[in-house]
């Protein structure tokens, strides 16, 4: 699957039918040695071991492109859509 974006050596990925393990809408940030999973829409780190500058780069990109991440999640996981935090 092609990445949604590449930030240096970190790839941003939204997988198809990816609802079993993390049990909520999310995206993956995968580097050569570390990876993390971030929730949607809140952008909290659910799992993983990205650190400092890596997390900052991912979150800066995700804040600017949250609509893209949410749209891709909803297209690829239609039975488990992103909802507003108040829902």
C-alpha atoms as a PDB file:
ATOM      1  CA  UNK A   1       0.000   0.000   0.000  1.00  0.00           C
ATOM      2  CA  UNK A   2       1.451   3.385  -0.916  1.00  0.00           C
ATOM      3  CA  UNK A   3       1.949   5.843   1.919  1.00  0.00           C
ATOM      4  CA  UNK A   4      -0.376   8.803   2.366  1.00  0.00           C
ATOM      5  CA  UNK A   5       2.731  10.928   2.965  1.00  0.00           C
ATOM      6  CA  UNK A   6       6.427  10.550   3.632  1.00  0.00           C
ATOM      7  CA  UNK A   7       8.061  12.752   6.270  1.00  0.00           C
ATOM      8  CA  UNK A   8      11.795  12.208   6.020  1.00  0.00           C
ATOM      9  CA  UNK A   9      12.097   8.486   6.713  1.00  0.00           C
ATOM     10  CA  UNK A  10       8.616   8.129   8.276  1.00  0.00           C
ATOM     11  CA  UNK A  11       5.698   6.932   6.181  1.00  0.00           C
ATOM     12  CA  UNK A  12       2.099   7.805   7.053  1.00  0.00           C
ATOM     13  CA  UNK A  13      -0.286   4.917   6.305  1.00  0.00           C
ATOM     14  CA  UNK A  14      -4.032   4.322   6.527  1.00  0.00           C
ATOM     15  CA  UNK A  15      -4.828   0.642   6.066  1.00  0.00           C
ATOM     16  CA  UNK A  16      -7.954  -1.014   4.652  1.00  0.00           C
ATOM     17  CA  UNK A  17     -10.196  -2.896   7.123  1.00  0.00           C
ATOM     18  CA  UNK A  18      -7.934  -2.005  10.057  1.00  0.00           C
ATOM     19  CA  UNK A  19     -10.419  -2.082  12.934  1.00  0.00           C
ATOM     20  CA  UNK A  20      -9.589  -5.178  14.987  1.00  0.00           C
ATOM     21  CA  UNK A  21      -6.364  -4.411  16.815  1.00  0.00           C
ATOM     22  CA  UNK A  22      -6.722  -0.797  17.944  1.00  0.00           C
ATOM     23  CA  UNK A  23     -10.526  -0.681  18.102  1.00  0.00           C
ATOM     24  CA  UNK A  24     -10.807   2.940  16.960  1.00  0.00           C
ATOM     25  CA  UNK A  25     -10.050   5.099  13.918  1.00  0.00           C
ATOM     26  CA  UNK A  26      -6.305   5.662  13.545  1.00  0.00           C
ATOM     27  CA  UNK A  27      -3.323   5.977  11.239  1.00  0.00           C
ATOM     28  CA  UNK A  28       0.162   4.486  11.321  1.00  0.00           C
ATOM     29  CA  UNK A  29       3.472   6.357  11.255  1.00  0.00           C
ATOM     30  CA  UNK A  30       6.212   3.897  10.301  1.00  0.00           C
ATOM     31  CA  UNK A  31       9.940   4.535  10.283  1.00  0.00           C
ATOM     32  CA  UNK A  32      12.855   2.187   9.613  1.00  0.00           C
ATOM     33  CA  UNK A  33      13.385   1.393  13.306  1.00  0.00           C
ATOM     34  CA  UNK A  34      10.225   2.562  15.079  1.00  0.00           C
ATOM     35  CA  UNK A  35       6.517   2.971  14.501  1.00  0.00           C
ATOM     36  CA  UNK A  36       3.487   4.437  16.243  1.00  0.00           C
ATOM     37  CA  UNK A  37      -0.274   4.525  15.880  1.00  0.00           C
ATOM     38  CA  UNK A  38      -2.229   7.766  16.365  1.00  0.00           C
ATOM     39  CA  UNK A  39      -5.958   8.083  16.992  1.00  0.00           C
ATOM     40  CA  UNK A  40      -8.426  10.006  14.875  1.00  0.00           C
ATOM     41  CA  UNK A  41      -9.645  12.645  15.331  1.00  0.00           C
ATOM     42  CA  UNK A  42      -7.716  13.424  18.539  1.00  0.00           C
ATOM     43  CA  UNK A  43      -4.192  12.578  17.272  1.00  0.00           C
ATOM     44  CA  UNK A  44      -3.240  10.897  20.537  1.00  0.00           C
ATOM     45  CA  UNK A  45      -0.512   8.245  20.410  1.00  0.00           C
ATOM     46  CA  UNK A  46      -2.270   4.908  20.935  1.00  0.00           C
ATOM     47  CA  UNK A  47       0.762   2.651  20.638  1.00  0.00           C
ATOM     48  CA  UNK A  48       4.335   2.609  19.455  1.00  0.00           C
ATOM     49  CA  UNK A  49       7.768   3.975  20.103  1.00  0.00           C
ATOM     50  CA  UNK A  50       8.303   7.057  17.942  1.00  0.00           C
ATOM     51  CA  UNK A  51      10.050   9.754  19.961  1.00  0.00           C
ATOM     52  CA  UNK A  52      10.402  13.540  20.222  1.00  0.00           C
ATOM     53  CA  UNK A  53      11.107  15.079  16.804  1.00  0.00           C
ATOM     54  CA  UNK A  54       9.514  12.132  15.005  1.00  0.00           C
ATOM     55  CA  UNK A  55       6.246  12.582  16.893  1.00  0.00           C
ATOM     56  CA  UNK A  56       6.339  16.348  16.381  1.00  0.00           C
ATOM     57  CA  UNK A  57       6.784  15.940  12.617  1.00  0.00           C
ATOM     58  CA  UNK A  58       3.920  13.428  12.433  1.00  0.00           C
ATOM     59  CA  UNK A  59       1.569  15.549  14.543  1.00  0.00           C
ATOM     60  CA  UNK A  60       2.401  18.766  12.680  1.00  0.00           C
ATOM     61  CA  UNK A  61       1.618  17.024   9.391  1.00  0.00           C
ATOM     62  CA  UNK A  62      -1.519  15.336  10.774  1.00  0.00           C
ATOM     63  CA  UNK A  63      -2.892  18.598  12.165  1.00  0.00           C
ATOM     64  CA  UNK A  64      -2.530  20.227   8.753  1.00  0.00           C
ATOM     65  CA  UNK A  65      -3.947  17.189   6.921  1.00  0.00           C
ATOM     66  CA  UNK A  66      -6.501  15.767   9.337  1.00  0.00           C
ATOM     67  CA  UNK A  67      -9.267  16.027   6.740  1.00  0.00           C
ATOM     68  CA  UNK A  68      -7.256  13.786   4.390  1.00  0.00           C
ATOM     69  CA  UNK A  69      -6.597  11.209   7.117  1.00  0.00           C
ATOM     70  CA  UNK A  70     -10.243  11.130   8.190  1.00  0.00           C
ATOM     71  CA  UNK A  71     -11.493  10.864   4.598  1.00  0.00           C
ATOM     72  CA  UNK A  72      -9.108   7.991   3.836  1.00  0.00           C
ATOM     73  CA  UNK A  73     -10.026   6.207   7.062  1.00  0.00           C
ATOM     74  CA  UNK A  74     -13.748   6.523   6.285  1.00  0.00           C
ATOM     75  CA  UNK A  75     -13.254   5.273   2.710  1.00  0.00           C
ATOM     76  CA  UNK A  76     -11.121   2.324   3.796  1.00  0.00           C
ATOM     77  CA  UNK A  77     -13.043   1.433   6.959  1.00  0.00           C
ATOM     78  CA  UNK A  78     -16.663   2.415   6.158  1.00  0.00           C
ATOM     79  CA  UNK A  79     -18.201   0.322   8.928  1.00  0.00           C
ATOM     80  CA  UNK A  80     -16.197   2.159  11.583  1.00  0.00           C
ATOM     81  CA  UNK A  81     -16.118   5.864  10.601  1.00  0.00           C
ATOM     82  CA  UNK A  82     -14.286   8.717  12.295  1.00  0.00           C
ATOM     83  CA  UNK A  83     -16.706  10.703  14.412  1.00  0.00           C
ATOM     84  CA  UNK A  84     -16.366  14.037  16.143  1.00  0.00           C
ATOM     85  CA  UNK A  85     -14.968  13.687  19.663  1.00  0.00           C
ATOM     86  CA  UNK A  86     -18.351  14.694  21.097  1.00  0.00           C
ATOM     87  CA  UNK A  87     -20.147  11.754  19.411  1.00  0.00           C
END
